[in-house]
Amino acid sequence: MGAEEAGDVEGVMTEMAKGEKRPSVLIVEDEAMICEMAAEVLAEQGFKVRAVSNAMEALRHLMSGSEIDILFTDINLAGGMDGEALAQRARELRPDLPVMYTSGRGSSIRTLDPVEGSMFVAKPYNPFEIGPLLDYLVAAKKIGTKTARVAKPQLVT
């Protein structure tokens, strides 16, 4: 991302902070304790949070027309569809939907084929640092910036 694009994203984020409501986030996490912690912290930060434990529940929300501004999904999910496949399907349903992946397995990042403009955050992550990253992805979408132009998403540790 060039300096001009970075400045544009920062400007949009500043405008968002001045008065717009925080984005709505769909969290897909099959580890209940991690899901509850992330949902609670994001809700405290002003995000509208929907949390589900598997990809099929997430797809139901996406197909229902629910307000969802960003998808935050674990890669390794129980139930037959992983987070990578979920993100691909979510983009078919909502082509501009920002996606943030997470996983505690190092092999996940090496084999991930991410959707364009996505980001990856390794577990364990600090849940208080997720909100600004979600804001960044939404702001980048608003100005049309592709945050991950290469084959692998950005790694945030």
N, C-alpha and C. Protein backbone atom coordinates (compact mmCIF):
# COMPACT_ATOMS: atom_id res chain seq x y z
N MET A 1 0.86 -1.16 0.00
CA MET A 1 0.00 0.00 0.00
C MET A 1 0.91 1.23 0.00
N GLY A 2 0.61 2.18 -0.86
CA GLY A 2 1.39 3.39 -0.96
C GLY A 2 1.07 4.35 0.16
N ALA A 3 1.93 5.37 0.32
CA ALA A 3 1.74 6.36 1.39
C ALA A 3 0.43 7.10 1.22
N GLU A 4 0.05 7.39 -0.04
CA GLU A 4 -1.20 8.11 -0.28
C GLU A 4 -2.40 7.27 0.17
N GLU A 5 -2.38 5.97 -0.19
CA GLU A 5 -3.48 5.09 0.23
C GLU A 5 -3.53 4.97 1.74
N ALA A 6 -2.36 4.87 2.40
CA ALA A 6 -2.33 4.77 3.86
C ALA A 6 -2.94 6.02 4.47
N GLY A 7 -2.63 7.19 3.92
CA GLY A 7 -3.21 8.43 4.41
C GLY A 7 -4.70 8.47 4.21
N ASP A 8 -5.18 7.94 3.06
CA ASP A 8 -6.62 7.89 2.80
C ASP A 8 -7.32 7.01 3.83
N VAL A 9 -6.75 5.85 4.13
CA VAL A 9 -7.35 4.94 5.10
C VAL A 9 -7.38 5.60 6.48
N GLU A 10 -6.28 6.25 6.86
CA GLU A 10 -6.24 6.93 8.15
C GLU A 10 -7.28 8.03 8.21
N GLY A 11 -7.47 8.76 7.11
CA GLY A 11 -8.48 9.82 7.06
C GLY A 11 -9.88 9.26 7.22
N VAL A 12 -10.17 8.17 6.55
CA VAL A 12 -11.48 7.54 6.67
C VAL A 12 -11.68 7.03 8.09
N MET A 13 -10.63 6.46 8.68
CA MET A 13 -10.75 5.96 10.06
C MET A 13 -11.00 7.12 11.02
N THR A 14 -10.37 8.26 10.80
CA THR A 14 -10.59 9.43 11.64
C THR A 14 -12.04 9.89 11.52
N GLU A 15 -12.56 9.93 10.31
CA GLU A 15 -13.95 10.32 10.10
C GLU A 15 -14.90 9.33 10.77
N MET A 16 -14.57 8.04 10.67
CA MET A 16 -15.41 7.01 11.30
C MET A 16 -15.43 7.22 12.80
N ALA A 17 -14.29 7.57 13.38
CA ALA A 17 -14.20 7.74 14.83
C ALA A 17 -14.97 8.97 15.32
N LYS A 18 -15.18 9.95 14.43
CA LYS A 18 -15.85 11.19 14.83
C LYS A 18 -17.34 11.04 15.03
N GLY A 19 -17.97 10.06 14.48
CA GLY A 19 -19.40 10.03 14.68
C GLY A 19 -20.11 8.83 14.12
N GLU A 20 -19.51 8.16 13.17
CA GLU A 20 -20.17 6.99 12.63
C GLU A 20 -20.17 5.87 13.66
N LYS A 21 -21.19 5.05 13.59
CA LYS A 21 -21.22 3.90 14.48
C LYS A 21 -20.13 2.92 14.07
N ARG A 22 -19.71 2.11 15.01
CA ARG A 22 -18.69 1.10 14.71
C ARG A 22 -19.32 0.04 13.82
N PRO A 23 -18.50 -0.63 13.04
CA PRO A 23 -19.02 -1.66 12.13
C PRO A 23 -19.66 -2.83 12.89
N SER A 24 -20.51 -3.55 12.17
CA SER A 24 -21.07 -4.78 12.71
C SER A 24 -20.17 -5.92 12.26
N VAL A 25 -19.85 -6.81 13.17
CA VAL A 25 -18.91 -7.89 12.89
C VAL A 25 -19.56 -9.23 13.15
N LEU A 26 -19.33 -10.16 12.25
CA LEU A 26 -19.76 -11.54 12.42
C LEU A 26 -18.53 -12.34 12.80
N ILE A 27 -18.53 -12.83 14.04
CA ILE A 27 -17.42 -13.66 14.54
C ILE A 27 -17.80 -15.12 14.35
N VAL A 28 -16.90 -15.88 13.75
CA VAL A 28 -17.11 -17.31 13.58
C VAL A 28 -15.95 -18.01 14.27
N GLU A 29 -16.26 -18.60 15.41
CA GLU A 29 -15.23 -19.21 16.27
C GLU A 29 -15.85 -20.39 17.00
N ASP A 30 -15.27 -21.59 16.84
CA ASP A 30 -15.85 -22.77 17.47
C ASP A 30 -15.33 -23.03 18.88
N GLU A 31 -14.35 -22.26 19.34
CA GLU A 31 -13.89 -22.37 20.72
C GLU A 31 -14.67 -21.35 21.54
N ALA A 32 -15.60 -21.85 22.36
CA ALA A 32 -16.57 -20.99 23.05
C ALA A 32 -15.91 -19.89 23.89
N MET A 33 -14.85 -20.21 24.62
CA MET A 33 -14.23 -19.21 25.47
C MET A 33 -13.60 -18.07 24.65
N ILE A 34 -12.94 -18.42 23.55
CA ILE A 34 -12.33 -17.42 22.68
C ILE A 34 -13.42 -16.57 22.04
N CYS A 35 -14.48 -17.22 21.59
CA CYS A 35 -15.59 -16.51 20.95
C CYS A 35 -16.23 -15.51 21.91
N GLU A 36 -16.51 -15.95 23.12
CA GLU A 36 -17.14 -15.08 24.12
C GLU A 36 -16.25 -13.90 24.47
N MET A 37 -14.95 -14.16 24.62
CA MET A 37 -14.02 -13.09 24.97
C MET A 37 -13.95 -12.06 23.85
N ALA A 38 -13.78 -12.51 22.62
CA ALA A 38 -13.68 -11.58 21.49
C ALA A 38 -14.98 -10.80 21.33
N ALA A 39 -16.12 -11.47 21.43
CA ALA A 39 -17.41 -10.80 21.29
C ALA A 39 -17.61 -9.75 22.37
N GLU A 40 -17.26 -10.09 23.59
CA GLU A 40 -17.43 -9.15 24.71
C GLU A 40 -16.56 -7.91 24.54
N VAL A 41 -15.29 -8.11 24.20
CA VAL A 41 -14.38 -6.98 24.05
C VAL A 41 -14.81 -6.10 22.88
N LEU A 42 -15.19 -6.69 21.76
CA LEU A 42 -15.62 -5.89 20.61
C LEU A 42 -16.92 -5.14 20.91
N ALA A 43 -17.83 -5.77 21.62
CA ALA A 43 -19.07 -5.08 22.00
C ALA A 43 -18.76 -3.91 22.92
N GLU A 44 -17.83 -4.09 23.85
CA GLU A 44 -17.42 -2.99 24.74
C GLU A 44 -16.82 -1.83 23.95
N GLN A 45 -16.21 -2.14 22.81
CA GLN A 45 -15.61 -1.11 21.95
C GLN A 45 -16.63 -0.47 21.01
N GLY A 46 -17.88 -0.90 21.10
CA GLY A 46 -18.93 -0.29 20.31
C GLY A 46 -19.33 -1.02 19.04
N PHE A 47 -18.75 -2.16 18.79
CA PHE A 47 -19.12 -2.94 17.62
C PHE A 47 -20.45 -3.64 17.86
N LYS A 48 -21.24 -3.79 16.82
CA LYS A 48 -22.43 -4.64 16.89
C LYS A 48 -21.92 -6.03 16.54
N VAL A 49 -22.06 -6.96 17.46
CA VAL A 49 -21.44 -8.28 17.31
C VAL A 49 -22.49 -9.37 17.17
N ARG A 50 -22.27 -10.22 16.19
CA ARG A 50 -23.00 -11.48 16.07
C ARG A 50 -21.92 -12.56 16.13
N ALA A 51 -22.12 -13.54 16.99
CA ALA A 51 -21.13 -14.60 17.14
C ALA A 51 -21.79 -15.95 16.91
N VAL A 52 -21.14 -16.76 16.07
CA VAL A 52 -21.62 -18.11 15.78
C VAL A 52 -20.45 -19.08 15.89
N SER A 53 -20.78 -20.37 15.98
CA SER A 53 -19.74 -21.35 16.20
C SER A 53 -19.34 -22.16 14.98
N ASN A 54 -20.04 -21.96 13.85
CA ASN A 54 -19.66 -22.72 12.66
C ASN A 54 -20.03 -21.97 11.37
N ALA A 55 -19.49 -22.45 10.28
CA ALA A 55 -19.66 -21.77 8.99
C ALA A 55 -21.11 -21.78 8.51
N MET A 56 -21.84 -22.84 8.78
CA MET A 56 -23.22 -22.90 8.30
C MET A 56 -24.08 -21.84 8.97
N GLU A 57 -23.89 -21.62 10.28
CA GLU A 57 -24.61 -20.56 10.98
C GLU A 57 -24.22 -19.20 10.40
N ALA A 58 -22.95 -19.02 10.11
CA ALA A 58 -22.48 -17.76 9.53
C ALA A 58 -23.14 -17.52 8.17
N LEU A 59 -23.21 -18.55 7.35
CA LEU A 59 -23.84 -18.40 6.04
C LEU A 59 -25.31 -18.04 6.15
N ARG A 60 -25.99 -18.60 7.15
CA ARG A 60 -27.40 -18.24 7.35
C ARG A 60 -27.54 -16.74 7.63
N HIS A 61 -26.65 -16.20 8.46
CA HIS A 61 -26.68 -14.75 8.73
C HIS A 61 -26.39 -13.96 7.46
N LEU A 62 -25.40 -14.39 6.70
CA LEU A 62 -25.03 -13.68 5.48
C LEU A 62 -26.15 -13.73 4.44
N MET A 63 -26.82 -14.86 4.33
CA MET A 63 -27.90 -15.01 3.33
C MET A 63 -29.19 -14.32 3.77
N SER A 64 -29.33 -14.07 5.07
CA SER A 64 -30.56 -13.46 5.58
C SER A 64 -30.62 -11.96 5.31
N GLY A 65 -29.51 -11.39 4.90
CA GLY A 65 -29.46 -9.94 4.68
C GLY A 65 -29.14 -9.16 5.94
N SER A 66 -28.75 -9.85 7.01
CA SER A 66 -28.37 -9.18 8.25
C SER A 66 -27.27 -8.17 7.99
N GLU A 67 -27.29 -7.09 8.76
CA GLU A 67 -26.24 -6.08 8.64
C GLU A 67 -24.93 -6.68 9.17
N ILE A 68 -24.01 -6.90 8.27
CA ILE A 68 -22.69 -7.41 8.62
C ILE A 68 -21.68 -6.63 7.80
N ASP A 69 -20.80 -5.92 8.49
CA ASP A 69 -19.80 -5.10 7.80
C ASP A 69 -18.47 -5.80 7.62
N ILE A 70 -18.22 -6.83 8.44
CA ILE A 70 -16.94 -7.54 8.36
C ILE A 70 -17.08 -8.94 8.94
N LEU A 71 -16.35 -9.87 8.35
CA LEU A 71 -16.32 -11.25 8.81
C LEU A 71 -14.99 -11.51 9.50
N PHE A 72 -15.05 -12.00 10.74
CA PHE A 72 -13.86 -12.35 11.53
C PHE A 72 -13.98 -13.83 11.82
N THR A 73 -13.20 -14.66 11.12
CA THR A 73 -13.37 -16.10 11.22
C THR A 73 -12.10 -16.86 11.55
N ASP A 74 -12.27 -17.85 12.40
CA ASP A 74 -11.21 -18.83 12.63
C ASP A 74 -11.10 -19.64 11.35
N ILE A 75 -9.90 -20.10 11.03
CA ILE A 75 -9.73 -20.92 9.83
C ILE A 75 -10.16 -22.35 10.11
N ASN A 76 -9.79 -22.87 11.26
CA ASN A 76 -10.07 -24.26 11.60
C ASN A 76 -11.38 -24.34 12.37
N LEU A 77 -12.44 -24.67 11.65
CA LEU A 77 -13.77 -24.75 12.25
C LEU A 77 -14.31 -26.17 12.19
N ALA A 78 -15.08 -26.53 13.17
CA ALA A 78 -15.76 -27.83 13.17
C ALA A 78 -16.98 -27.73 12.26
N GLY A 79 -17.45 -28.86 11.79
CA GLY A 79 -18.72 -28.87 11.07
C GLY A 79 -18.64 -29.00 9.56
N GLY A 80 -17.50 -29.29 9.00
CA GLY A 80 -17.45 -29.59 7.57
C GLY A 80 -16.95 -28.47 6.67
N MET A 81 -17.14 -27.21 7.04
CA MET A 81 -16.65 -26.10 6.23
C MET A 81 -15.69 -25.28 7.08
N ASP A 82 -14.49 -25.06 6.57
CA ASP A 82 -13.52 -24.27 7.33
C ASP A 82 -13.67 -22.79 7.03
N GLY A 83 -12.90 -21.97 7.74
CA GLY A 83 -12.99 -20.53 7.59
C GLY A 83 -12.56 -20.04 6.22
N GLU A 84 -11.63 -20.73 5.60
CA GLU A 84 -11.19 -20.36 4.25
C GLU A 84 -12.33 -20.52 3.26
N ALA A 85 -13.00 -21.68 3.29
CA ALA A 85 -14.15 -21.91 2.40
C ALA A 85 -15.30 -20.96 2.73
N LEU A 86 -15.50 -20.69 4.01
CA LEU A 86 -16.54 -19.74 4.42
C LEU A 86 -16.28 -18.37 3.81
N ALA A 87 -15.04 -17.89 3.90
CA ALA A 87 -14.71 -16.57 3.36
C ALA A 87 -14.95 -16.52 1.85
N GLN A 88 -14.59 -17.59 1.15
CA GLN A 88 -14.82 -17.64 -0.30
C GLN A 88 -16.32 -17.55 -0.60
N ARG A 89 -17.11 -18.31 0.13
CA ARG A 89 -18.57 -18.31 -0.07
C ARG A 89 -19.18 -16.96 0.33
N ALA A 90 -18.68 -16.40 1.43
CA ALA A 90 -19.16 -15.09 1.88
C ALA A 90 -18.92 -14.04 0.80
N ARG A 91 -17.77 -14.10 0.14
CA ARG A 91 -17.47 -13.14 -0.91
C ARG A 91 -18.35 -13.35 -2.15
N GLU A 92 -18.79 -14.58 -2.38
CA GLU A 92 -19.74 -14.81 -3.47
C GLU A 92 -21.07 -14.12 -3.15
N LEU A 93 -21.46 -14.18 -1.88
CA LEU A 93 -22.72 -13.56 -1.45
C LEU A 93 -22.60 -12.05 -1.31
N ARG A 94 -21.46 -11.59 -0.81
CA ARG A 94 -21.22 -10.16 -0.55
C ARG A 94 -19.81 -9.83 -1.03
N PRO A 95 -19.68 -9.47 -2.29
CA PRO A 95 -18.35 -9.30 -2.90
C PRO A 95 -17.41 -8.32 -2.21
N ASP A 96 -17.92 -7.33 -1.52
CA ASP A 96 -17.06 -6.33 -0.89
C ASP A 96 -16.85 -6.56 0.61
N LEU A 97 -17.28 -7.70 1.13
CA LEU A 97 -17.19 -7.96 2.57
C LEU A 97 -15.74 -8.11 3.01
N PRO A 98 -15.26 -7.25 3.92
CA PRO A 98 -13.91 -7.42 4.46
C PRO A 98 -13.84 -8.69 5.30
N VAL A 99 -12.68 -9.34 5.28
CA VAL A 99 -12.48 -10.60 6.01
C VAL A 99 -11.19 -10.53 6.81
N MET A 100 -11.30 -10.95 8.07
CA MET A 100 -10.11 -11.14 8.90
C MET A 100 -10.12 -12.60 9.35
N TYR A 101 -9.01 -13.27 9.09
CA TYR A 101 -8.84 -14.67 9.50
C TYR A 101 -8.03 -14.72 10.79
N THR A 102 -8.22 -15.82 11.53
CA THR A 102 -7.39 -16.09 12.68
C THR A 102 -7.18 -17.60 12.80
N SER A 103 -6.07 -17.98 13.42
CA SER A 103 -5.80 -19.38 13.70
C SER A 103 -4.64 -19.48 14.67
N GLY A 104 -4.64 -20.54 15.44
CA GLY A 104 -3.53 -20.83 16.32
C GLY A 104 -2.59 -21.86 15.73
N ARG A 105 -2.89 -22.32 14.55
CA ARG A 105 -2.05 -23.32 13.88
C ARG A 105 -1.18 -22.65 12.84
N GLY A 106 0.11 -22.79 12.99
CA GLY A 106 1.05 -22.18 12.05
C GLY A 106 0.88 -22.67 10.63
N SER A 107 0.45 -23.92 10.48
CA SER A 107 0.28 -24.46 9.13
C SER A 107 -0.86 -23.77 8.39
N SER A 108 -1.80 -23.19 9.13
CA SER A 108 -2.95 -22.55 8.49
C SER A 108 -2.53 -21.37 7.63
N ILE A 109 -1.61 -20.56 8.09
CA ILE A 109 -1.17 -19.39 7.33
C ILE A 109 -0.37 -19.81 6.11
N ARG A 110 0.37 -20.89 6.22
CA ARG A 110 1.19 -21.33 5.09
C ARG A 110 0.36 -21.91 3.96
N THR A 111 -0.80 -22.47 4.28
CA THR A 111 -1.62 -23.10 3.24
C THR A 111 -2.85 -22.27 2.87
N LEU A 112 -3.06 -21.16 3.54
CA LEU A 112 -4.24 -20.34 3.31
C LEU A 112 -4.22 -19.70 1.92
N ASP A 113 -5.36 -19.77 1.25
CA ASP A 113 -5.57 -19.05 -0.01
C ASP A 113 -6.62 -17.98 0.30
N PRO A 114 -6.17 -16.81 0.75
CA PRO A 114 -7.11 -15.82 1.27
C PRO A 114 -7.88 -15.09 0.18
N VAL A 115 -9.02 -14.55 0.56
CA VAL A 115 -9.73 -13.66 -0.34
C VAL A 115 -8.96 -12.35 -0.40
N GLU A 116 -9.09 -11.64 -1.50
CA GLU A 116 -8.36 -10.39 -1.69
C GLU A 116 -8.78 -9.35 -0.64
N GLY A 117 -7.79 -8.63 -0.15
CA GLY A 117 -8.06 -7.56 0.80
C GLY A 117 -8.27 -8.04 2.22
N SER A 118 -7.88 -9.26 2.52
CA SER A 118 -8.09 -9.81 3.85
C SER A 118 -6.86 -9.59 4.73
N MET A 119 -7.01 -9.99 5.99
CA MET A 119 -5.93 -9.87 6.96
C MET A 119 -5.95 -11.12 7.83
N PHE A 120 -4.80 -11.51 8.35
CA PHE A 120 -4.67 -12.66 9.23
C PHE A 120 -4.09 -12.21 10.57
N VAL A 121 -4.69 -12.68 11.66
CA VAL A 121 -4.19 -12.40 13.00
C VAL A 121 -3.96 -13.75 13.68
N ALA A 122 -2.73 -13.97 14.14
CA ALA A 122 -2.40 -15.24 14.78
C ALA A 122 -2.94 -15.29 16.21
N LYS A 123 -3.36 -16.48 16.61
CA LYS A 123 -3.74 -16.73 18.01
C LYS A 123 -2.48 -17.15 18.75
N PRO A 124 -2.36 -16.83 19.98
CA PRO A 124 -3.30 -16.02 20.75
C PRO A 124 -3.13 -14.54 20.38
N TYR A 125 -4.23 -13.86 20.27
CA TYR A 125 -4.19 -12.43 19.96
C TYR A 125 -4.75 -11.65 21.15
N ASN A 126 -4.40 -10.37 21.18
CA ASN A 126 -4.94 -9.49 22.20
C ASN A 126 -6.28 -8.98 21.69
N PRO A 127 -7.39 -9.33 22.32
CA PRO A 127 -8.70 -8.94 21.78
C PRO A 127 -8.89 -7.42 21.71
N PHE A 128 -8.14 -6.68 22.51
CA PHE A 128 -8.26 -5.22 22.48
C PHE A 128 -7.61 -4.62 21.24
N GLU A 129 -6.77 -5.39 20.56
CA GLU A 129 -6.12 -4.91 19.34
C GLU A 129 -6.92 -5.27 18.09
N ILE A 130 -7.93 -6.09 18.21
CA ILE A 130 -8.72 -6.52 17.05
C ILE A 130 -9.61 -5.39 16.53
N GLY A 131 -10.23 -4.63 17.42
CA GLY A 131 -11.13 -3.55 17.00
C GLY A 131 -10.52 -2.58 16.01
N PRO A 132 -9.34 -2.02 16.31
CA PRO A 132 -8.72 -1.11 15.35
C PRO A 132 -8.40 -1.77 14.00
N LEU A 133 -8.05 -3.06 14.02
CA LEU A 133 -7.78 -3.76 12.77
C LEU A 133 -9.06 -3.94 11.95
N LEU A 134 -10.16 -4.24 12.63
CA LEU A 134 -11.44 -4.35 11.93
C LEU A 134 -11.83 -3.00 11.34
N ASP A 135 -11.65 -1.93 12.11
CA ASP A 135 -11.92 -0.59 11.60
C ASP A 135 -11.08 -0.31 10.35
N TYR A 136 -9.82 -0.71 10.38
CA TYR A 136 -8.92 -0.49 9.26
C TYR A 136 -9.44 -1.19 8.00
N LEU A 137 -9.85 -2.45 8.14
CA LEU A 137 -10.36 -3.18 6.98
C LEU A 137 -11.62 -2.54 6.41
N VAL A 138 -12.51 -2.08 7.28
CA VAL A 138 -13.73 -1.43 6.81
C VAL A 138 -13.39 -0.10 6.13
N ALA A 139 -12.46 0.66 6.71
CA ALA A 139 -12.05 1.93 6.10
C ALA A 139 -11.39 1.70 4.74
N ALA A 140 -10.56 0.67 4.65
CA ALA A 140 -9.91 0.35 3.38
C ALA A 140 -10.94 -0.01 2.32
N LYS A 141 -12.00 -0.73 2.72
CA LYS A 141 -13.07 -1.06 1.79
C LYS A 141 -13.76 0.20 1.28
N LYS A 142 -13.97 1.15 2.20
CA LYS A 142 -14.68 2.38 1.83
C LYS A 142 -13.95 3.19 0.77
N ILE A 143 -12.62 3.13 0.78
CA ILE A 143 -11.87 3.88 -0.22
C ILE A 143 -11.38 2.99 -1.36
N GLY A 144 -11.70 1.70 -1.29
CA GLY A 144 -11.33 0.80 -2.37
C GLY A 144 -9.91 0.30 -2.32
N THR A 145 -9.25 0.39 -1.18
CA THR A 145 -7.88 -0.09 -1.04
C THR A 145 -7.89 -1.59 -0.81
N LYS A 146 -7.00 -2.26 -1.49
CA LYS A 146 -6.83 -3.70 -1.28
C LYS A 146 -5.70 -3.88 -0.28
N THR A 147 -6.01 -4.32 0.93
CA THR A 147 -5.00 -4.41 1.98
C THR A 147 -4.02 -5.54 1.76
N ALA A 148 -4.44 -6.59 1.08
CA ALA A 148 -3.54 -7.71 0.84
C ALA A 148 -3.52 -7.99 -0.66
N ARG A 149 -2.55 -7.46 -1.35
CA ARG A 149 -2.46 -7.60 -2.81
C ARG A 149 -1.69 -8.84 -3.20
N VAL A 150 -0.98 -9.45 -2.29
CA VAL A 150 -0.16 -10.61 -2.60
C VAL A 150 -0.94 -11.87 -2.27
N ALA A 151 -0.34 -13.01 -2.51
CA ALA A 151 -1.03 -14.28 -2.33
C ALA A 151 -1.34 -14.60 -0.87
N LYS A 152 -0.60 -14.01 0.04
CA LYS A 152 -0.83 -14.28 1.47
C LYS A 152 -1.34 -13.03 2.16
N PRO A 153 -2.25 -13.19 3.14
CA PRO A 153 -2.74 -12.03 3.86
C PRO A 153 -1.68 -11.46 4.79
N GLN A 154 -1.93 -10.27 5.28
CA GLN A 154 -1.01 -9.66 6.22
C GLN A 154 -1.02 -10.43 7.52
N LEU A 155 0.15 -10.62 8.10
CA LEU A 155 0.28 -11.32 9.38
C LEU A 155 0.43 -10.28 10.47
N VAL A 156 -0.45 -10.32 11.42
CA VAL A 156 -0.40 -9.41 12.56
C VAL A 156 -0.21 -10.26 13.79
N THR A 157 0.86 -10.00 14.54
CA THR A 157 1.10 -10.79 15.76
C THR A 157 1.11 -9.90 16.96
